[in-house]
Amino acid sequence: MFKKPTPATQEQTAPIERVNSVLGPGINWAGNLGGRGGIRIEGTFEGEIRIQGLVVVGETGRVTCQNLRANSVIVAGALRGNVTAEKLEIRSTGRVWGDVVTIAFATEEGAFLRGQVRMEEKVDLHLEEPSDAVKDLDAPADEKRMDTPKRPARGRQVAGD
């Protein structure tokens, strides 16, 4: 009788808040990184990053990126480039050189940021859907198209056979 009417809420896909992939220490990667999921970078990365999910730059991570776009970004290492994210956290060991556009921003004591921070009520990340090639990888094995003819297996003869 005295219940408040509940407003209709829009269904939103929740961003992924866990790490699925790791670029380990000692690994150097140059190229573009995109898709859905969470990634932790402990090595060196140079290129573009567009992730629907979480990006963690670990303490040993070194990222150079014109514009990193992700739902959530945590920086404990070094990041050179602009950041567009719904949520950015710079840990005490984190260093960021670049401008930031975000909804939520947090730093720990000792964190470093050289650039401008612009807080917005909403951020458009411009994250595109995965390409057909990536979607094909997620399809069950019997649905995948196999263009390569199968070769007969080669055996190795052992002395005494």
N, C-alpha and C. Protein backbone atom coordinates (compact mmCIF):
# COMPACT_ATOMS: atom_id res chain seq x y z
N MET A 1 0.81 -1.18 0.00
CA MET A 1 0.00 0.00 0.00
C MET A 1 0.86 1.26 0.00
N PHE A 2 1.94 1.27 0.79
CA PHE A 2 2.80 2.44 0.86
C PHE A 2 4.10 2.25 0.11
N LYS A 3 4.13 1.30 -0.79
CA LYS A 3 5.34 1.03 -1.55
C LYS A 3 5.62 2.14 -2.53
N LYS A 4 6.91 2.45 -2.67
CA LYS A 4 7.33 3.40 -3.70
C LYS A 4 7.33 2.69 -5.04
N PRO A 5 6.85 3.35 -6.06
CA PRO A 5 6.95 2.71 -7.38
C PRO A 5 8.42 2.66 -7.80
N THR A 6 8.84 1.53 -8.32
CA THR A 6 10.22 1.39 -8.76
C THR A 6 10.34 1.88 -10.19
N PRO A 7 11.29 2.80 -10.44
CA PRO A 7 11.44 3.30 -11.80
C PRO A 7 12.00 2.21 -12.71
N ALA A 8 11.56 2.25 -13.96
CA ALA A 8 12.07 1.28 -14.94
C ALA A 8 13.54 1.59 -15.20
N THR A 9 14.38 0.58 -15.08
CA THR A 9 15.81 0.78 -15.30
C THR A 9 16.19 0.17 -16.63
N GLN A 10 17.16 0.81 -17.26
CA GLN A 10 17.65 0.28 -18.52
C GLN A 10 18.58 -0.88 -18.23
N GLU A 11 18.46 -1.91 -19.07
CA GLU A 11 19.37 -3.04 -18.93
C GLU A 11 20.71 -2.68 -19.54
N GLN A 12 21.76 -2.78 -18.75
CA GLN A 12 23.09 -2.50 -19.23
C GLN A 12 23.94 -3.73 -19.00
N THR A 13 24.87 -3.96 -19.94
CA THR A 13 25.78 -5.07 -19.74
C THR A 13 26.84 -4.61 -18.75
N ALA A 14 27.02 -5.37 -17.70
CA ALA A 14 27.99 -5.01 -16.68
C ALA A 14 29.40 -5.19 -17.23
N PRO A 15 30.28 -4.20 -17.01
CA PRO A 15 31.65 -4.35 -17.48
C PRO A 15 32.35 -5.48 -16.73
N ILE A 16 33.28 -6.09 -17.40
CA ILE A 16 34.01 -7.21 -16.82
C ILE A 16 35.05 -6.64 -15.86
N GLU A 17 35.02 -7.07 -14.60
CA GLU A 17 35.88 -6.52 -13.58
C GLU A 17 36.93 -7.51 -13.10
N ARG A 18 37.29 -8.48 -13.95
CA ARG A 18 38.34 -9.41 -13.57
C ARG A 18 39.29 -9.60 -14.74
N VAL A 19 40.47 -10.08 -14.44
CA VAL A 19 41.51 -10.26 -15.45
C VAL A 19 41.37 -11.65 -16.06
N ASN A 20 41.30 -11.69 -17.41
CA ASN A 20 41.24 -12.96 -18.13
C ASN A 20 42.58 -13.28 -18.79
N SER A 21 43.35 -12.24 -19.14
CA SER A 21 44.60 -12.41 -19.88
C SER A 21 45.71 -11.60 -19.23
N VAL A 22 46.94 -12.10 -19.39
CA VAL A 22 48.09 -11.43 -18.81
C VAL A 22 49.19 -11.30 -19.86
N LEU A 23 49.74 -10.11 -19.98
CA LEU A 23 50.95 -9.88 -20.77
C LEU A 23 52.07 -9.81 -19.73
N GLY A 24 52.80 -10.88 -19.58
CA GLY A 24 53.72 -11.05 -18.47
C GLY A 24 54.97 -10.19 -18.54
N PRO A 25 55.70 -10.13 -17.43
CA PRO A 25 56.95 -9.38 -17.40
C PRO A 25 57.94 -9.98 -18.39
N GLY A 26 58.71 -9.13 -19.03
CA GLY A 26 59.68 -9.60 -20.00
C GLY A 26 59.12 -9.71 -21.41
N ILE A 27 57.81 -9.54 -21.58
CA ILE A 27 57.17 -9.61 -22.89
C ILE A 27 57.04 -8.20 -23.45
N ASN A 28 57.46 -8.02 -24.71
CA ASN A 28 57.32 -6.74 -25.41
C ASN A 28 56.30 -6.93 -26.52
N TRP A 29 55.26 -6.11 -26.55
CA TRP A 29 54.20 -6.25 -27.53
C TRP A 29 53.97 -4.91 -28.21
N ALA A 30 53.92 -4.93 -29.54
CA ALA A 30 53.59 -3.73 -30.32
C ALA A 30 52.42 -4.09 -31.23
N GLY A 31 51.36 -3.32 -31.16
CA GLY A 31 50.19 -3.59 -31.98
C GLY A 31 48.95 -3.05 -31.33
N ASN A 32 47.81 -3.51 -31.79
CA ASN A 32 46.54 -3.05 -31.24
C ASN A 32 45.90 -4.14 -30.41
N LEU A 33 45.23 -3.73 -29.36
CA LEU A 33 44.59 -4.65 -28.44
C LEU A 33 43.14 -4.23 -28.28
N GLY A 34 42.21 -5.15 -28.56
CA GLY A 34 40.80 -4.81 -28.45
C GLY A 34 39.98 -6.03 -28.14
N GLY A 35 38.75 -5.79 -27.69
CA GLY A 35 37.84 -6.88 -27.41
C GLY A 35 37.17 -6.71 -26.07
N ARG A 36 36.68 -7.85 -25.54
CA ARG A 36 36.00 -7.86 -24.25
C ARG A 36 36.81 -8.70 -23.29
N GLY A 37 36.82 -8.28 -22.05
CA GLY A 37 37.50 -9.05 -21.03
C GLY A 37 38.35 -8.15 -20.17
N GLY A 38 39.21 -8.77 -19.42
CA GLY A 38 40.12 -8.02 -18.56
C GLY A 38 41.54 -8.44 -18.87
N ILE A 39 42.45 -7.46 -18.89
CA ILE A 39 43.85 -7.77 -19.18
C ILE A 39 44.74 -7.08 -18.16
N ARG A 40 45.80 -7.78 -17.78
CA ARG A 40 46.82 -7.23 -16.91
C ARG A 40 48.10 -7.17 -17.71
N ILE A 41 48.74 -6.00 -17.74
CA ILE A 41 49.96 -5.80 -18.50
C ILE A 41 51.11 -5.61 -17.52
N GLU A 42 52.03 -6.58 -17.50
CA GLU A 42 53.21 -6.51 -16.64
C GLU A 42 54.47 -6.31 -17.48
N GLY A 43 54.35 -6.46 -18.79
CA GLY A 43 55.47 -6.26 -19.70
C GLY A 43 55.41 -4.88 -20.33
N THR A 44 55.90 -4.78 -21.57
CA THR A 44 55.91 -3.52 -22.30
C THR A 44 54.94 -3.62 -23.45
N PHE A 45 54.05 -2.63 -23.57
CA PHE A 45 53.06 -2.60 -24.63
C PHE A 45 53.11 -1.25 -25.33
N GLU A 46 53.09 -1.29 -26.68
CA GLU A 46 53.03 -0.06 -27.46
C GLU A 46 52.00 -0.24 -28.56
N GLY A 47 50.99 0.61 -28.59
CA GLY A 47 49.93 0.51 -29.59
C GLY A 47 48.64 1.07 -29.05
N GLU A 48 47.53 0.68 -29.66
CA GLU A 48 46.22 1.15 -29.25
C GLU A 48 45.52 0.10 -28.40
N ILE A 49 44.79 0.55 -27.37
CA ILE A 49 44.03 -0.35 -26.51
C ILE A 49 42.58 0.12 -26.46
N ARG A 50 41.66 -0.79 -26.82
CA ARG A 50 40.21 -0.55 -26.72
C ARG A 50 39.60 -1.82 -26.15
N ILE A 51 39.33 -1.79 -24.86
CA ILE A 51 38.86 -2.99 -24.16
C ILE A 51 37.52 -2.70 -23.49
N GLN A 52 36.54 -3.55 -23.75
CA GLN A 52 35.29 -3.48 -23.01
C GLN A 52 35.52 -4.34 -21.77
N GLY A 53 35.94 -3.71 -20.70
CA GLY A 53 36.26 -4.41 -19.47
C GLY A 53 37.34 -3.68 -18.71
N LEU A 54 38.23 -4.45 -18.09
CA LEU A 54 39.24 -3.94 -17.18
C LEU A 54 40.63 -4.00 -17.80
N VAL A 55 41.40 -2.92 -17.63
CA VAL A 55 42.81 -2.91 -18.02
C VAL A 55 43.62 -2.57 -16.77
N VAL A 56 44.55 -3.45 -16.42
CA VAL A 56 45.44 -3.22 -15.27
C VAL A 56 46.86 -3.11 -15.80
N VAL A 57 47.51 -1.98 -15.51
CA VAL A 57 48.93 -1.83 -15.82
C VAL A 57 49.64 -2.10 -14.50
N GLY A 58 50.25 -3.29 -14.40
CA GLY A 58 50.91 -3.71 -13.16
C GLY A 58 52.16 -2.90 -12.87
N GLU A 59 52.75 -3.13 -11.72
CA GLU A 59 53.93 -2.37 -11.28
C GLU A 59 55.08 -2.45 -12.26
N THR A 60 55.25 -3.58 -12.94
CA THR A 60 56.34 -3.71 -13.91
C THR A 60 55.88 -3.38 -15.32
N GLY A 61 54.61 -3.00 -15.48
CA GLY A 61 54.04 -2.70 -16.79
C GLY A 61 54.45 -1.33 -17.30
N ARG A 62 54.71 -1.25 -18.61
CA ARG A 62 55.06 0.00 -19.29
C ARG A 62 54.20 0.08 -20.55
N VAL A 63 53.28 1.02 -20.60
CA VAL A 63 52.35 1.14 -21.72
C VAL A 63 52.52 2.50 -22.38
N THR A 64 52.66 2.47 -23.72
CA THR A 64 52.66 3.69 -24.52
C THR A 64 51.49 3.55 -25.49
N CYS A 65 50.52 4.45 -25.36
CA CYS A 65 49.27 4.32 -26.10
C CYS A 65 48.72 5.71 -26.38
N GLN A 66 48.41 5.99 -27.65
CA GLN A 66 47.85 7.30 -28.00
C GLN A 66 46.61 7.60 -27.17
N ASN A 67 45.68 6.65 -27.11
CA ASN A 67 44.47 6.81 -26.31
C ASN A 67 43.97 5.46 -25.85
N LEU A 68 44.12 5.18 -24.57
CA LEU A 68 43.64 3.94 -23.97
C LEU A 68 42.17 4.12 -23.65
N ARG A 69 41.32 3.22 -24.16
CA ARG A 69 39.87 3.28 -23.91
C ARG A 69 39.44 1.97 -23.28
N ALA A 70 38.83 2.07 -22.09
CA ALA A 70 38.34 0.88 -21.39
C ALA A 70 37.30 1.30 -20.36
N ASN A 71 36.51 0.34 -19.88
CA ASN A 71 35.54 0.65 -18.84
C ASN A 71 36.25 1.04 -17.55
N SER A 72 37.21 0.22 -17.13
CA SER A 72 37.95 0.48 -15.90
C SER A 72 39.44 0.34 -16.16
N VAL A 73 40.23 1.26 -15.60
CA VAL A 73 41.68 1.23 -15.76
C VAL A 73 42.31 1.40 -14.39
N ILE A 74 43.25 0.52 -14.07
CA ILE A 74 44.03 0.62 -12.84
C ILE A 74 45.48 0.70 -13.25
N VAL A 75 46.19 1.74 -12.79
CA VAL A 75 47.58 1.94 -13.16
C VAL A 75 48.46 1.85 -11.91
N ALA A 76 49.34 0.85 -11.90
CA ALA A 76 50.33 0.71 -10.84
C ALA A 76 51.73 0.82 -11.42
N GLY A 77 51.84 0.85 -12.75
CA GLY A 77 53.12 0.99 -13.46
C GLY A 77 53.17 2.33 -14.18
N ALA A 78 53.66 2.34 -15.42
CA ALA A 78 53.81 3.57 -16.19
C ALA A 78 52.91 3.55 -17.42
N LEU A 79 52.20 4.64 -17.65
CA LEU A 79 51.31 4.78 -18.80
C LEU A 79 51.56 6.13 -19.44
N ARG A 80 51.97 6.09 -20.72
CA ARG A 80 52.16 7.32 -21.48
C ARG A 80 51.10 7.37 -22.57
N GLY A 81 50.14 8.26 -22.40
CA GLY A 81 49.05 8.40 -23.35
C GLY A 81 47.78 8.84 -22.65
N ASN A 82 46.81 9.26 -23.44
CA ASN A 82 45.54 9.71 -22.90
C ASN A 82 44.68 8.52 -22.49
N VAL A 83 43.82 8.76 -21.49
CA VAL A 83 42.95 7.70 -20.97
C VAL A 83 41.50 8.18 -21.05
N THR A 84 40.65 7.36 -21.65
CA THR A 84 39.21 7.58 -21.63
C THR A 84 38.60 6.34 -20.99
N ALA A 85 38.01 6.52 -19.82
CA ALA A 85 37.49 5.38 -19.07
C ALA A 85 36.34 5.82 -18.18
N GLU A 86 35.48 4.87 -17.85
CA GLU A 86 34.43 5.17 -16.88
C GLU A 86 35.04 5.34 -15.49
N LYS A 87 36.08 4.53 -15.21
CA LYS A 87 36.70 4.57 -13.90
C LYS A 87 38.21 4.45 -14.05
N LEU A 88 38.96 5.37 -13.44
CA LEU A 88 40.43 5.31 -13.45
C LEU A 88 40.94 5.37 -12.03
N GLU A 89 41.85 4.45 -11.72
CA GLU A 89 42.50 4.43 -10.42
C GLU A 89 44.01 4.42 -10.64
N ILE A 90 44.71 5.36 -10.01
CA ILE A 90 46.17 5.38 -10.09
C ILE A 90 46.69 5.02 -8.71
N ARG A 91 47.38 3.89 -8.64
CA ARG A 91 47.93 3.41 -7.36
C ARG A 91 49.17 4.21 -6.97
N SER A 92 49.69 3.98 -5.78
CA SER A 92 50.82 4.75 -5.27
C SER A 92 52.06 4.61 -6.13
N THR A 93 52.24 3.49 -6.81
CA THR A 93 53.40 3.27 -7.68
C THR A 93 53.10 3.67 -9.12
N GLY A 94 51.88 4.12 -9.39
CA GLY A 94 51.46 4.42 -10.76
C GLY A 94 51.92 5.78 -11.24
N ARG A 95 52.25 5.84 -12.54
CA ARG A 95 52.70 7.07 -13.20
C ARG A 95 51.93 7.20 -14.51
N VAL A 96 51.26 8.35 -14.71
CA VAL A 96 50.50 8.59 -15.94
C VAL A 96 50.93 9.93 -16.52
N TRP A 97 51.30 9.90 -17.81
CA TRP A 97 51.61 11.10 -18.57
C TRP A 97 50.57 11.19 -19.67
N GLY A 98 49.55 12.01 -19.50
CA GLY A 98 48.50 12.15 -20.50
C GLY A 98 47.24 12.72 -19.90
N ASP A 99 46.32 13.10 -20.77
CA ASP A 99 45.05 13.66 -20.34
C ASP A 99 44.05 12.55 -20.05
N VAL A 100 43.13 12.82 -19.13
CA VAL A 100 42.17 11.82 -18.66
C VAL A 100 40.75 12.36 -18.82
N VAL A 101 39.86 11.53 -19.36
CA VAL A 101 38.42 11.80 -19.39
C VAL A 101 37.76 10.62 -18.69
N THR A 102 37.03 10.89 -17.60
CA THR A 102 36.48 9.80 -16.80
C THR A 102 35.24 10.23 -16.03
N ILE A 103 34.53 9.25 -15.51
CA ILE A 103 33.39 9.50 -14.64
C ILE A 103 33.85 9.45 -13.18
N ALA A 104 34.68 8.45 -12.85
CA ALA A 104 35.17 8.27 -11.48
C ALA A 104 36.70 8.22 -11.50
N PHE A 105 37.33 8.93 -10.58
CA PHE A 105 38.78 9.05 -10.55
C PHE A 105 39.27 8.90 -9.12
N ALA A 106 40.27 8.04 -8.92
CA ALA A 106 40.83 7.83 -7.59
C ALA A 106 42.34 7.70 -7.68
N THR A 107 43.04 8.23 -6.67
CA THR A 107 44.49 8.08 -6.60
C THR A 107 44.87 7.73 -5.17
N GLU A 108 46.01 7.07 -5.06
CA GLU A 108 46.58 6.82 -3.75
C GLU A 108 47.69 7.83 -3.52
N GLU A 109 48.09 8.00 -2.28
CA GLU A 109 49.19 8.90 -1.96
C GLU A 109 50.45 8.40 -2.65
N GLY A 110 51.14 9.29 -3.35
CA GLY A 110 52.35 8.92 -4.07
C GLY A 110 52.12 8.73 -5.56
N ALA A 111 50.85 8.67 -5.99
CA ALA A 111 50.53 8.51 -7.41
C ALA A 111 50.96 9.76 -8.18
N PHE A 112 51.26 9.59 -9.48
CA PHE A 112 51.74 10.70 -10.31
C PHE A 112 50.86 10.82 -11.54
N LEU A 113 50.45 12.06 -11.86
CA LEU A 113 49.71 12.35 -13.07
C LEU A 113 50.17 13.68 -13.62
N ARG A 114 50.65 13.67 -14.86
CA ARG A 114 50.98 14.91 -15.56
C ARG A 114 50.04 15.00 -16.75
N GLY A 115 49.03 15.85 -16.62
CA GLY A 115 48.02 16.02 -17.65
C GLY A 115 46.78 16.63 -17.04
N GLN A 116 45.75 16.71 -17.83
CA GLN A 116 44.50 17.30 -17.36
C GLN A 116 43.50 16.19 -17.08
N VAL A 117 42.64 16.43 -16.09
CA VAL A 117 41.57 15.49 -15.77
C VAL A 117 40.25 16.20 -16.04
N ARG A 118 39.41 15.56 -16.86
CA ARG A 118 38.08 16.09 -17.13
C ARG A 118 37.06 15.06 -16.66
N MET A 119 36.26 15.45 -15.68
CA MET A 119 35.24 14.57 -15.13
C MET A 119 33.94 14.82 -15.89
N GLU A 120 33.28 13.73 -16.30
CA GLU A 120 32.03 13.81 -17.05
C GLU A 120 30.98 12.97 -16.35
N GLU A 121 29.72 13.25 -16.64
CA GLU A 121 28.64 12.41 -16.11
C GLU A 121 28.52 11.12 -16.89
N LYS A 122 28.90 11.18 -18.19
CA LYS A 122 28.85 10.00 -19.05
C LYS A 122 30.03 10.08 -20.00
N VAL A 123 30.63 8.93 -20.29
CA VAL A 123 31.78 8.86 -21.19
C VAL A 123 31.44 7.90 -22.32
N ASP A 124 31.62 8.35 -23.56
CA ASP A 124 31.42 7.48 -24.72
C ASP A 124 32.78 6.88 -25.08
N LEU A 125 32.92 5.59 -24.88
CA LEU A 125 34.21 4.92 -25.08
C LEU A 125 34.49 4.57 -26.53
N HIS A 126 33.48 4.59 -27.40
CA HIS A 126 33.64 4.22 -28.82
C HIS A 126 34.28 2.83 -28.95
N LEU A 127 33.77 1.89 -28.21
CA LEU A 127 34.28 0.51 -28.30
C LEU A 127 33.44 -0.22 -29.34
N GLU A 128 34.12 -0.72 -30.38
CA GLU A 128 33.39 -1.42 -31.43
C GLU A 128 33.24 -2.89 -31.08
N GLU A 129 32.25 -3.50 -31.71
CA GLU A 129 32.00 -4.93 -31.51
C GLU A 129 33.15 -5.74 -32.10
N PRO A 130 33.39 -6.94 -31.57
CA PRO A 130 34.45 -7.77 -32.13
C PRO A 130 34.17 -8.11 -33.59
N SER A 131 35.21 -8.27 -34.37
CA SER A 131 35.06 -8.59 -35.79
C SER A 131 34.55 -10.02 -35.96
N ASP A 132 34.14 -10.34 -37.19
CA ASP A 132 33.65 -11.70 -37.46
C ASP A 132 34.72 -12.75 -37.20
N ALA A 133 35.97 -12.40 -37.44
CA ALA A 133 37.06 -13.36 -37.23
C ALA A 133 37.15 -13.73 -35.75
N VAL A 134 36.99 -12.74 -34.87
CA VAL A 134 37.06 -13.02 -33.44
C VAL A 134 35.82 -13.78 -33.01
N LYS A 135 34.64 -13.41 -33.54
CA LYS A 135 33.42 -14.14 -33.19
C LYS A 135 33.52 -15.60 -33.61
N ASP A 136 34.18 -15.88 -34.76
CA ASP A 136 34.33 -17.24 -35.24
C ASP A 136 35.12 -18.09 -34.26
N LEU A 137 36.06 -17.49 -33.55
CA LEU A 137 36.85 -18.23 -32.58
C LEU A 137 36.00 -18.71 -31.42
N ASP A 138 34.91 -17.97 -31.12
CA ASP A 138 34.05 -18.33 -30.01
C ASP A 138 33.01 -19.38 -30.39
N ALA A 139 32.85 -19.66 -31.68
CA ALA A 139 31.84 -20.61 -32.14
C ALA A 139 32.26 -22.03 -31.76
N PRO A 140 31.29 -22.93 -31.55
CA PRO A 140 31.63 -24.33 -31.27
C PRO A 140 32.41 -24.93 -32.44
N ALA A 141 33.22 -25.92 -32.15
CA ALA A 141 34.13 -26.50 -33.14
C ALA A 141 33.40 -27.03 -34.37
N ASP A 142 32.19 -27.61 -34.20
CA ASP A 142 31.49 -28.17 -35.34
C ASP A 142 30.91 -27.09 -36.25
N GLU A 143 30.80 -25.83 -35.77
CA GLU A 143 30.28 -24.74 -36.59
C GLU A 143 31.38 -24.01 -37.34
N LYS A 144 32.63 -24.22 -36.96
CA LYS A 144 33.74 -23.53 -37.61
C LYS A 144 33.98 -24.09 -39.00
N ARG A 145 34.32 -23.22 -39.91
CA ARG A 145 34.58 -23.63 -41.28
C ARG A 145 36.05 -24.02 -41.39
N MET A 146 36.30 -25.14 -41.97
CA MET A 146 37.67 -25.61 -42.14
C MET A 146 38.01 -25.61 -43.61
N ASP A 147 38.86 -24.68 -44.04
CA ASP A 147 39.25 -24.59 -45.44
C ASP A 147 40.49 -25.42 -45.75
N THR A 148 41.25 -25.76 -44.75
CA THR A 148 42.50 -26.45 -44.95
C THR A 148 42.26 -27.95 -45.05
N PRO A 149 42.72 -28.57 -46.14
CA PRO A 149 42.54 -30.03 -46.24
C PRO A 149 43.39 -30.74 -45.19
N LYS A 150 42.87 -31.82 -44.70
CA LYS A 150 43.61 -32.56 -43.68
C LYS A 150 44.63 -33.47 -44.35
N ARG A 151 45.82 -33.49 -43.79
CA ARG A 151 46.88 -34.37 -44.28
C ARG A 151 46.90 -35.64 -43.45
N PRO A 152 47.32 -36.72 -44.06
CA PRO A 152 47.45 -37.95 -43.26
C PRO A 152 48.58 -37.77 -42.24
N ALA A 153 48.41 -38.38 -41.11
CA ALA A 153 49.43 -38.29 -40.07
C ALA A 153 50.67 -39.04 -40.50
N ARG A 154 51.80 -38.46 -40.17
CA ARG A 154 53.08 -39.14 -40.50
C ARG A 154 53.59 -39.82 -39.26
N GLY A 155 53.96 -41.05 -39.43
CA GLY A 155 54.49 -41.79 -38.29
C GLY A 155 56.01 -41.88 -38.38
N ARG A 156 56.60 -42.20 -37.29
CA ARG A 156 58.05 -42.33 -37.25
C ARG A 156 58.35 -43.81 -37.00
N GLN A 157 59.22 -44.35 -37.83
CA GLN A 157 59.56 -45.75 -37.64
C GLN A 157 60.70 -45.84 -36.64
N VAL A 158 60.57 -46.81 -35.78
CA VAL A 158 61.59 -47.04 -34.77
C VAL A 158 62.37 -48.28 -35.18
N ALA A 159 63.66 -48.27 -34.96
CA ALA A 159 64.50 -49.43 -35.32
C ALA A 159 63.97 -50.67 -34.63
N GLY A 160 63.89 -51.73 -35.38
CA GLY A 160 63.44 -52.99 -34.82
C GLY A 160 61.99 -53.29 -35.15
N ASP A 161 61.30 -52.40 -35.87
CA ASP A 161 59.90 -52.63 -36.25
C ASP A 161 59.81 -53.49 -37.47
